[in-house]
Amino acid sequence: MNQIHWLGLNDRFPNPYLQPDPDPSVPGLIAVSEQIYPGQLAQAYQLGIFPWYSDNQPVLWWSPDPRMVLIPNAFKCSTSLQKSIRHFCQNPHSEILVDSDFGAIVRACATSKRHGQDGTWITHEIINAYTQLHEEGHAHSIAIIEQGQLIGGLYCVSFGKMVFGESMFSRKKGSSKIALAALCAWCTTQNINMIDCQQETQHLSSLGALAIPRQQFLEQLQISLNHTNIELAWVFGKEILNQYYL
């Protein structure tokens, strides 16, 4: 059994496409580092690796097998969600804002209470690292606004033509699903074939996500990375919901 890689400042990640998990007793754990070093997050995503850890842990880097993904045009818009989208779109005081206040969305995700979870993996270090990625044009936020108030949203990462979903939150029932529906609709317009959802959950399955072998995910990732980055195209509003769901 190989040891899990401990990464220093100038060390590169092991490529999960070329080698199995270092420790089968911790499936998906690829590497560990003392902190998130400059440039490390961008390098990780382009290898299909992401950080997930708590405040009292070192930085744990994961590439799970299987991998949960969502095909944008396969997003399941239930009858109740379609009703919520209709009400949202008909409200003249509602809007979708893209990249308007990235920090506010990440902080909202970090502080939202979640069923069965104590605390958050979105640490101060994570917030700082993803904010830097946002400033470089590789992390984006979608805010759901009603009556001038932020009621839900999500943030994600993009490289080439791959989008990596990170976290969602709701302050009003269903608002995070509206954000995800908008993201899926926009991805469809941009010919983005896959949204990475990372971990397999029942909630994601109910929205149309499915688990695929890691090898298949990494192959699709490499294809997507060969395309021109989509940063400049991150402009859309609630009209995209009308186009695809109503």
C-alpha atoms as a PDB file:
ATOM      1  CA  MET A   1       0.000   0.000   0.000  1.00  0.00           C
ATOM      2  CA  ASN A   2       1.380   3.425  -0.954  1.00  0.00           C
ATOM      3  CA  GLN A   3       1.401   6.326   1.464  1.00  0.00           C
ATOM      4  CA  ILE A   4      -0.855   9.312   0.908  1.00  0.00           C
ATOM      5  CA  HIS A   5       1.175  12.162  -0.581  1.00  0.00           C
ATOM      6  CA  TRP A   6       2.042  15.032   1.774  1.00  0.00           C
ATOM      7  CA  LEU A   7       2.444  18.133  -0.389  1.00  0.00           C
ATOM      8  CA  GLY A   8       4.807  21.013   0.272  1.00  0.00           C
ATOM      9  CA  LEU A   9       4.905  24.458  -1.331  1.00  0.00           C
ATOM     10  CA  ASN A  10       6.377  23.346  -4.670  1.00  0.00           C
ATOM     11  CA  ASP A  11       5.048  19.784  -4.865  1.00  0.00           C
ATOM     12  CA  ARG A  12       2.639  18.708  -7.574  1.00  0.00           C
ATOM     13  CA  PHE A  13      -0.400  16.519  -7.068  1.00  0.00           C
ATOM     14  CA  PRO A  14      -0.314  12.857  -7.998  1.00  0.00           C
ATOM     15  CA  ASN A  15      -2.448  12.326 -11.095  1.00  0.00           C
ATOM     16  CA  PRO A  16      -5.524  10.239 -10.142  1.00  0.00           C
ATOM     17  CA  TYR A  17      -5.865   9.222 -13.800  1.00  0.00           C
ATOM     18  CA  LEU A  18      -2.519   7.424 -13.696  1.00  0.00           C
ATOM     19  CA  GLN A  19      -2.536   5.790 -10.269  1.00  0.00           C
ATOM     20  CA  PRO A  20      -5.021   4.245  -7.809  1.00  0.00           C
ATOM     21  CA  ASP A  21      -5.842   5.681  -4.400  1.00  0.00           C
ATOM     22  CA  PRO A  22      -2.741   5.690  -2.184  1.00  0.00           C
ATOM     23  CA  ASP A  23      -4.703   4.260   0.774  1.00  0.00           C
ATOM     24  CA  PRO A  24      -7.752   2.062  -0.055  1.00  0.00           C
ATOM     25  CA  SER A  25      -8.988   2.473   3.527  1.00  0.00           C
ATOM     26  CA  VAL A  26      -9.655   6.154   2.749  1.00  0.00           C
ATOM     27  CA  PRO A  27     -11.112   5.948  -0.782  1.00  0.00           C
ATOM     28  CA  GLY A  28     -10.754   9.099  -2.825  1.00  0.00           C
ATOM     29  CA  LEU A  29      -8.173  10.785  -0.593  1.00  0.00           C
ATOM     30  CA  ILE A  30      -5.330  11.707  -2.955  1.00  0.00           C
ATOM     31  CA  ALA A  31      -3.083  14.034  -0.959  1.00  0.00           C
ATOM     32  CA  VAL A  32      -2.695  16.158   2.173  1.00  0.00           C
ATOM     33  CA  SER A  33      -1.090  19.567   2.671  1.00  0.00           C
ATOM     34  CA  GLU A  34      -0.525  21.908   5.585  1.00  0.00           C
ATOM     35  CA  GLN A  35      -2.311  24.742   3.798  1.00  0.00           C
ATOM     36  CA  ILE A  36      -3.651  25.736   0.395  1.00  0.00           C
ATOM     37  CA  TYR A  37      -0.574  27.095  -1.325  1.00  0.00           C
ATOM     38  CA  PRO A  38      -0.696  29.748  -4.094  1.00  0.00           C
ATOM     39  CA  GLY A  39      -1.750  28.218  -7.405  1.00  0.00           C
ATOM     40  CA  GLN A  40      -2.550  24.872  -5.792  1.00  0.00           C
ATOM     41  CA  LEU A  41      -6.336  25.129  -6.102  1.00  0.00           C
ATOM     42  CA  ALA A  42      -6.226  25.806  -9.851  1.00  0.00           C
ATOM     43  CA  GLN A  43      -3.802  22.925 -10.342  1.00  0.00           C
ATOM     44  CA  ALA A  44      -6.049  20.594  -8.353  1.00  0.00           C
ATOM     45  CA  TYR A  45      -9.231  21.305 -10.316  1.00  0.00           C
ATOM     46  CA  GLN A  46      -7.537  20.666 -13.625  1.00  0.00           C
ATOM     47  CA  LEU A  47      -6.627  17.205 -12.322  1.00  0.00           C
ATOM     48  CA  GLY A  48     -10.134  16.516 -11.010  1.00  0.00           C
ATOM     49  CA  ILE A  49      -9.112  17.040  -7.365  1.00  0.00           C
ATOM     50  CA  PHE A  50     -10.840  19.256  -4.769  1.00  0.00           C
ATOM     51  CA  PRO A  51     -10.286  20.165  -1.089  1.00  0.00           C
ATOM     52  CA  TRP A  52     -12.687  19.050   1.648  1.00  0.00           C
ATOM     53  CA  TYR A  53     -11.708  19.246   5.289  1.00  0.00           C
ATOM     54  CA  SER A  54     -12.569  20.826   8.648  1.00  0.00           C
ATOM     55  CA  ASP A  55     -10.908  23.585  10.669  1.00  0.00           C
ATOM     56  CA  ASN A  56      -9.078  21.128  12.912  1.00  0.00           C
ATOM     57  CA  GLN A  57      -7.607  19.117  10.017  1.00  0.00           C
ATOM     58  CA  PRO A  58      -4.844  19.613   7.461  1.00  0.00           C
ATOM     59  CA  VAL A  59      -6.042  20.280   3.913  1.00  0.00           C
ATOM     60  CA  LEU A  60      -7.430  17.005   2.531  1.00  0.00           C
ATOM     61  CA  TRP A  61      -7.492  16.663  -1.272  1.00  0.00           C
ATOM     62  CA  TRP A  62     -10.032  14.273  -2.861  1.00  0.00           C
ATOM     63  CA  SER A  63     -10.791  12.567  -6.154  1.00  0.00           C
ATOM     64  CA  PRO A  64     -13.655  10.153  -5.359  1.00  0.00           C
ATOM     65  CA  ASP A  65     -14.623   7.074  -7.328  1.00  0.00           C
ATOM     66  CA  PRO A  66     -17.403   7.073  -8.425  1.00  0.00           C
ATOM     67  CA  ARG A  67     -17.836  10.773  -9.195  1.00  0.00           C
ATOM     68  CA  MET A  68     -21.202  12.517  -9.009  1.00  0.00           C
ATOM     69  CA  VAL A  69     -22.004  14.610 -12.087  1.00  0.00           C
ATOM     70  CA  LEU A  70     -24.996  16.419 -13.520  1.00  0.00           C
ATOM     71  CA  ILE A  71     -25.658  16.589 -17.249  1.00  0.00           C
ATOM     72  CA  PRO A  72     -27.123  20.108 -17.648  1.00  0.00           C
ATOM     73  CA  ASN A  73     -29.930  19.214 -20.040  1.00  0.00           C
ATOM     74  CA  ALA A  74     -30.878  16.256 -17.814  1.00  0.00           C
ATOM     75  CA  PHE A  75     -31.650  18.475 -14.798  1.00  0.00           C
ATOM     76  CA  LYS A  76     -34.922  17.311 -13.202  1.00  0.00           C
ATOM     77  CA  CYS A  77     -37.278  20.248 -12.811  1.00  0.00           C
ATOM     78  CA  SER A  78     -40.130  18.934 -10.661  1.00  0.00           C
ATOM     79  CA  THR A  79     -43.653  20.304 -10.820  1.00  0.00           C
ATOM     80  CA  SER A  80     -43.160  22.145  -7.537  1.00  0.00           C
ATOM     81  CA  LEU A  81     -39.848  23.652  -8.687  1.00  0.00           C
ATOM     82  CA  GLN A  82     -41.411  24.694 -11.989  1.00  0.00           C
ATOM     83  CA  LYS A  83     -44.127  26.470  -9.974  1.00  0.00           C
ATOM     84  CA  SER A  84     -41.479  28.230  -7.858  1.00  0.00           C
ATOM     85  CA  ILE A  85     -39.613  29.287 -11.002  1.00  0.00           C
ATOM     86  CA  ARG A  86     -42.826  30.661 -12.519  1.00  0.00           C
ATOM     87  CA  HIS A  87     -43.581  32.740  -9.418  1.00  0.00           C
ATOM     88  CA  PHE A  88     -39.983  33.949  -9.306  1.00  0.00           C
ATOM     89  CA  CYS A  89     -39.968  34.966 -12.959  1.00  0.00           C
ATOM     90  CA  GLN A  90     -43.332  36.724 -12.698  1.00  0.00           C
ATOM     91  CA  ASN A  91     -42.202  38.780  -9.709  1.00  0.00           C
ATOM     92  CA  PRO A  92     -41.005  42.160 -11.049  1.00  0.00           C
ATOM     93  CA  HIS A  93     -38.837  42.540  -7.936  1.00  0.00           C
ATOM     94  CA  SER A  94     -36.879  39.336  -8.465  1.00  0.00           C
ATOM     95  CA  GLU A  95     -33.603  38.896 -10.326  1.00  0.00           C
ATOM     96  CA  ILE A  96     -30.591  36.661 -10.856  1.00  0.00           C
ATOM     97  CA  LEU A  97     -27.212  38.294 -10.398  1.00  0.00           C
ATOM     98  CA  VAL A  98     -24.063  36.571 -11.650  1.00  0.00           C
ATOM     99  CA  ASP A  99     -20.729  37.423 -10.000  1.00  0.00           C
ATOM    100  CA  SER A 100     -22.231  40.496  -8.311  1.00  0.00           C
ATOM    101  CA  ASP A 101     -20.867  39.740  -4.812  1.00  0.00           C
ATOM    102  CA  PHE A 102     -18.929  36.490  -4.814  1.00  0.00           C
ATOM    103  CA  GLY A 103     -17.824  36.845  -1.195  1.00  0.00           C
ATOM    104  CA  ALA A 104     -21.390  37.251   0.053  1.00  0.00           C
ATOM    105  CA  ILE A 105     -22.472  34.012  -1.650  1.00  0.00           C
ATOM    106  CA  VAL A 106     -19.553  31.996  -0.261  1.00  0.00           C
ATOM    107  CA  ARG A 107     -20.110  33.368   3.250  1.00  0.00           C
ATOM    108  CA  ALA A 108     -23.819  32.567   3.009  1.00  0.00           C
ATOM    109  CA  CYS A 109     -22.993  28.989   2.007  1.00  0.00           C
ATOM    110  CA  ALA A 110     -20.570  28.758   4.930  1.00  0.00           C
ATOM    111  CA  THR A 111     -23.050  29.986   7.532  1.00  0.00           C
ATOM    112  CA  SER A 112     -26.185  28.164   6.341  1.00  0.00           C
ATOM    113  CA  LYS A 113     -27.406  25.450   8.693  1.00  0.00           C
ATOM    114  CA  ARG A 114     -27.666  22.040   7.037  1.00  0.00           C
ATOM    115  CA  HIS A 115     -29.583  19.020   8.216  1.00  0.00           C
ATOM    116  CA  GLY A 116     -27.305  16.441   9.842  1.00  0.00           C
ATOM    117  CA  GLN A 117     -24.220  18.671   9.681  1.00  0.00           C
ATOM    118  CA  ASP A 118     -22.406  20.344  12.543  1.00  0.00           C
ATOM    119  CA  GLY A 119     -20.212  23.205  11.375  1.00  0.00           C
ATOM    120  CA  THR A 120     -18.934  23.802   7.848  1.00  0.00           C
ATOM    121  CA  TRP A 121     -16.090  22.730   5.591  1.00  0.00           C
ATOM    122  CA  ILE A 122     -16.017  26.271   4.133  1.00  0.00           C
ATOM    123  CA  THR A 123     -13.268  27.592   6.384  1.00  0.00           C
ATOM    124  CA  HIS A 124     -11.668  31.054   6.265  1.00  0.00           C
ATOM    125  CA  GLU A 125      -8.840  29.493   4.283  1.00  0.00           C
ATOM    126  CA  ILE A 126     -11.318  28.069   1.762  1.00  0.00           C
ATOM    127  CA  ILE A 127     -13.091  31.433   1.434  1.00  0.00           C
ATOM    128  CA  ASN A 128      -9.799  33.210   0.770  1.00  0.00           C
ATOM    129  CA  ALA A 129      -8.615  30.591  -1.738  1.00  0.00           C
ATOM    130  CA  TYR A 130     -11.846  30.607  -3.759  1.00  0.00           C
ATOM    131  CA  THR A 131     -12.034  34.400  -3.660  1.00  0.00           C
ATOM    132  CA  GLN A 132      -8.583  34.451  -5.249  1.00  0.00           C
ATOM    133  CA  LEU A 133      -9.811  31.970  -7.861  1.00  0.00           C
ATOM    134  CA  HIS A 134     -12.779  34.271  -8.508  1.00  0.00           C
ATOM    135  CA  GLU A 135     -10.459  37.238  -9.019  1.00  0.00           C
ATOM    136  CA  GLU A 136      -8.565  35.146 -11.574  1.00  0.00           C
ATOM    137  CA  GLY A 137     -11.820  34.478 -13.461  1.00  0.00           C
ATOM    138  CA  HIS A 138     -12.225  30.825 -12.501  1.00  0.00           C
ATOM    139  CA  ALA A 139     -14.855  30.945  -9.727  1.00  0.00           C
ATOM    140  CA  HIS A 140     -18.367  32.333 -10.119  1.00  0.00           C
ATOM    141  CA  SER A 141     -21.485  33.014  -8.076  1.00  0.00           C
ATOM    142  CA  ILE A 142     -25.196  33.032  -8.835  1.00  0.00           C
ATOM    143  CA  ALA A 143     -27.388  35.071  -6.501  1.00  0.00           C
ATOM    144  CA  ILE A 144     -31.185  34.755  -6.278  1.00  0.00           C
ATOM    145  CA  ILE A 145     -32.648  38.121  -5.288  1.00  0.00           C
ATOM    146  CA  GLU A 146     -36.217  38.911  -4.218  1.00  0.00           C
ATOM    147  CA  GLN A 147     -37.403  42.307  -3.030  1.00  0.00           C
ATOM    148  CA  GLY A 148     -33.774  43.386  -2.930  1.00  0.00           C
ATOM    149  CA  GLN A 149     -32.860  40.568  -0.541  1.00  0.00           C
ATOM    150  CA  LEU A 150     -30.494  37.657  -1.139  1.00  0.00           C
ATOM    151  CA  ILE A 151     -32.625  34.531  -0.681  1.00  0.00           C
ATOM    152  CA  GLY A 152     -30.406  31.839  -2.197  1.00  0.00           C
ATOM    153  CA  GLY A 153     -27.563  31.036  -4.515  1.00  0.00           C
ATOM    154  CA  LEU A 154     -24.520  28.966  -5.309  1.00  0.00           C
ATOM    155  CA  TYR A 155     -20.885  29.245  -6.290  1.00  0.00           C
ATOM    156  CA  CYS A 156     -18.882  27.141  -8.695  1.00  0.00           C
ATOM    157  CA  VAL A 157     -15.539  26.841 -10.471  1.00  0.00           C
ATOM    158  CA  SER A 158     -14.829  26.681 -14.204  1.00  0.00           C
ATOM    159  CA  PHE A 159     -11.869  25.693 -16.351  1.00  0.00           C
ATOM    160  CA  GLY A 160     -12.148  25.209 -20.093  1.00  0.00           C
ATOM    161  CA  LYS A 161     -15.688  23.944 -20.639  1.00  0.00           C
ATOM    162  CA  MET A 162     -16.003  22.148 -17.314  1.00  0.00           C
ATOM    163  CA  VAL A 163     -18.049  23.561 -14.438  1.00  0.00           C
ATOM    164  CA  PHE A 164     -17.479  22.297 -10.901  1.00  0.00           C
ATOM    165  CA  GLY A 165     -20.377  22.864  -8.511  1.00  0.00           C
ATOM    166  CA  GLU A 166     -19.269  23.782  -4.998  1.00  0.00           C
ATOM    167  CA  SER A 167     -22.016  24.779  -2.579  1.00  0.00           C
ATOM    168  CA  MET A 168     -25.585  26.113  -2.500  1.00  0.00           C
ATOM    169  CA  PHE A 169     -27.737  27.779   0.132  1.00  0.00           C
ATOM    170  CA  SER A 170     -31.376  28.760   0.607  1.00  0.00           C
ATOM    171  CA  ARG A 171     -32.959  31.374   2.832  1.00  0.00           C
ATOM    172  CA  LYS A 172     -36.303  30.721   1.147  1.00  0.00           C
ATOM    173  CA  LYS A 173     -37.464  27.229   0.262  1.00  0.00           C
ATOM    174  CA  GLY A 174     -36.376  26.168  -3.224  1.00  0.00           C
ATOM    175  CA  SER A 175     -34.220  29.198  -3.957  1.00  0.00           C
ATOM    176  CA  SER A 176     -30.975  27.209  -4.269  1.00  0.00           C
ATOM    177  CA  LYS A 177     -32.713  24.920  -6.775  1.00  0.00           C
ATOM    178  CA  ILE A 178     -33.673  27.981  -8.828  1.00  0.00           C
ATOM    179  CA  ALA A 179     -29.992  28.953  -8.900  1.00  0.00           C
ATOM    180  CA  LEU A 180     -29.009  25.442 -10.008  1.00  0.00           C
ATOM    181  CA  ALA A 181     -31.744  25.387 -12.649  1.00  0.00           C
ATOM    182  CA  ALA A 182     -30.408  28.673 -14.037  1.00  0.00           C
ATOM    183  CA  LEU A 183     -26.859  27.322 -14.062  1.00  0.00           C
ATOM    184  CA  CYS A 184     -27.955  24.176 -15.915  1.00  0.00           C
ATOM    185  CA  ALA A 185     -29.875  26.220 -18.479  1.00  0.00           C
ATOM    186  CA  TRP A 186     -26.910  28.520 -19.052  1.00  0.00           C
ATOM    187  CA  CYS A 187     -24.519  25.544 -19.339  1.00  0.00           C
ATOM    188  CA  THR A 188     -26.793  24.114 -22.020  1.00  0.00           C
ATOM    189  CA  THR A 189     -26.524  27.351 -24.020  1.00  0.00           C
ATOM    190  CA  GLN A 190     -22.723  27.169 -23.745  1.00  0.00           C
ATOM    191  CA  ASN A 191     -22.544  23.504 -24.837  1.00  0.00           C
ATOM    192  CA  ILE A 192     -21.143  22.499 -21.455  1.00  0.00           C
ATOM    193  CA  ASN A 193     -21.714  18.765 -21.194  1.00  0.00           C
ATOM    194  CA  MET A 194     -21.112  18.137 -17.508  1.00  0.00           C
ATOM    195  CA  ILE A 195     -21.273  19.794 -14.085  1.00  0.00           C
ATOM    196  CA  ASP A 196     -19.097  18.135 -11.458  1.00  0.00           C
ATOM    197  CA  CYS A 197     -21.046  17.546  -8.231  1.00  0.00           C
ATOM    198  CA  GLN A 198     -18.165  15.761  -6.453  1.00  0.00           C
ATOM    199  CA  GLN A 199     -19.872  13.606  -3.800  1.00  0.00           C
ATOM    200  CA  GLU A 200     -22.800  11.249  -4.298  1.00  0.00           C
ATOM    201  CA  THR A 201     -25.916  12.330  -2.353  1.00  0.00           C
ATOM    202  CA  GLN A 202     -29.616  11.480  -2.474  1.00  0.00           C
ATOM    203  CA  HIS A 203     -30.476  15.175  -2.885  1.00  0.00           C
ATOM    204  CA  LEU A 204     -28.307  15.491  -5.998  1.00  0.00           C
ATOM    205  CA  SER A 205     -29.769  12.266  -7.389  1.00  0.00           C
ATOM    206  CA  SER A 206     -33.272  13.734  -7.043  1.00  0.00           C
ATOM    207  CA  LEU A 207     -32.164  16.624  -9.271  1.00  0.00           C
ATOM    208  CA  GLY A 208     -30.881  14.339 -12.018  1.00  0.00           C
ATOM    209  CA  ALA A 209     -27.249  13.837 -11.026  1.00  0.00           C
ATOM    210  CA  LEU A 210     -25.667  10.419 -11.464  1.00  0.00           C
ATOM    211  CA  ALA A 211     -22.514   8.649 -10.344  1.00  0.00           C
ATOM    212  CA  ILE A 212     -19.972   7.708 -13.001  1.00  0.00           C
ATOM    213  CA  PRO A 213     -16.573   5.971 -12.735  1.00  0.00           C
ATOM    214  CA  ARG A 214     -13.731   8.321 -11.857  1.00  0.00           C
ATOM    215  CA  GLN A 215     -11.843   7.289 -14.995  1.00  0.00           C
ATOM    216  CA  GLN A 216     -14.785   8.355 -17.162  1.00  0.00           C
ATOM    217  CA  PHE A 217     -15.029  11.687 -15.349  1.00  0.00           C
ATOM    218  CA  LEU A 218     -11.306  12.381 -15.742  1.00  0.00           C
ATOM    219  CA  GLU A 219     -11.440  11.555 -19.453  1.00  0.00           C
ATOM    220  CA  GLN A 220     -14.319  14.009 -19.944  1.00  0.00           C
ATOM    221  CA  LEU A 221     -12.451  16.591 -17.875  1.00  0.00           C
ATOM    222  CA  GLN A 222      -9.433  16.420 -20.177  1.00  0.00           C
ATOM    223  CA  ILE A 223     -11.647  16.883 -23.226  1.00  0.00           C
ATOM    224  CA  SER A 224     -13.335  19.888 -21.603  1.00  0.00           C
ATOM    225  CA  LEU A 225     -10.032  21.492 -20.622  1.00  0.00           C
ATOM    226  CA  ASN A 226      -8.969  21.582 -24.257  1.00  0.00           C
ATOM    227  CA  HIS A 227     -11.706  24.136 -24.988  1.00  0.00           C
ATOM    228  CA  THR A 228     -11.365  27.889 -24.619  1.00  0.00           C
ATOM    229  CA  ASN A 229     -12.238  29.163 -21.146  1.00  0.00           C
ATOM    230  CA  ILE A 230     -15.805  30.415 -20.755  1.00  0.00           C
ATOM    231  CA  GLU A 231     -15.129  33.219 -18.259  1.00  0.00           C
ATOM    232  CA  LEU A 232     -16.318  36.070 -20.474  1.00  0.00           C
ATOM    233  CA  ALA A 233     -19.650  34.353 -21.131  1.00  0.00           C
ATOM    234  CA  TRP A 234     -20.833  34.410 -17.483  1.00  0.00           C
ATOM    235  CA  VAL A 235     -23.640  36.883 -18.110  1.00  0.00           C
ATOM    236  CA  PHE A 236     -27.288  35.868 -17.775  1.00  0.00           C
ATOM    237  CA  GLY A 237     -30.454  36.708 -15.855  1.00  0.00           C
ATOM    238  CA  LYS A 238     -33.783  35.177 -14.944  1.00  0.00           C
ATOM    239  CA  GLU A 239     -34.910  35.207 -18.584  1.00  0.00           C
ATOM    240  CA  ILE A 240     -32.912  32.006 -19.036  1.00  0.00           C
ATOM    241  CA  LEU A 241     -35.380  30.258 -16.708  1.00  0.00           C
ATOM    242  CA  ASN A 242     -38.294  31.307 -18.934  1.00  0.00           C
ATOM    243  CA  GLN A 243     -36.462  29.927 -21.933  1.00  0.00           C
ATOM    244  CA  TYR A 244     -35.864  26.456 -20.511  1.00  0.00           C
ATOM    245  CA  TYR A 245     -38.468  25.685 -17.863  1.00  0.00           C
ATOM    246  CA  LEU A 246     -41.661  27.658 -18.573  1.00  0.00           C
END
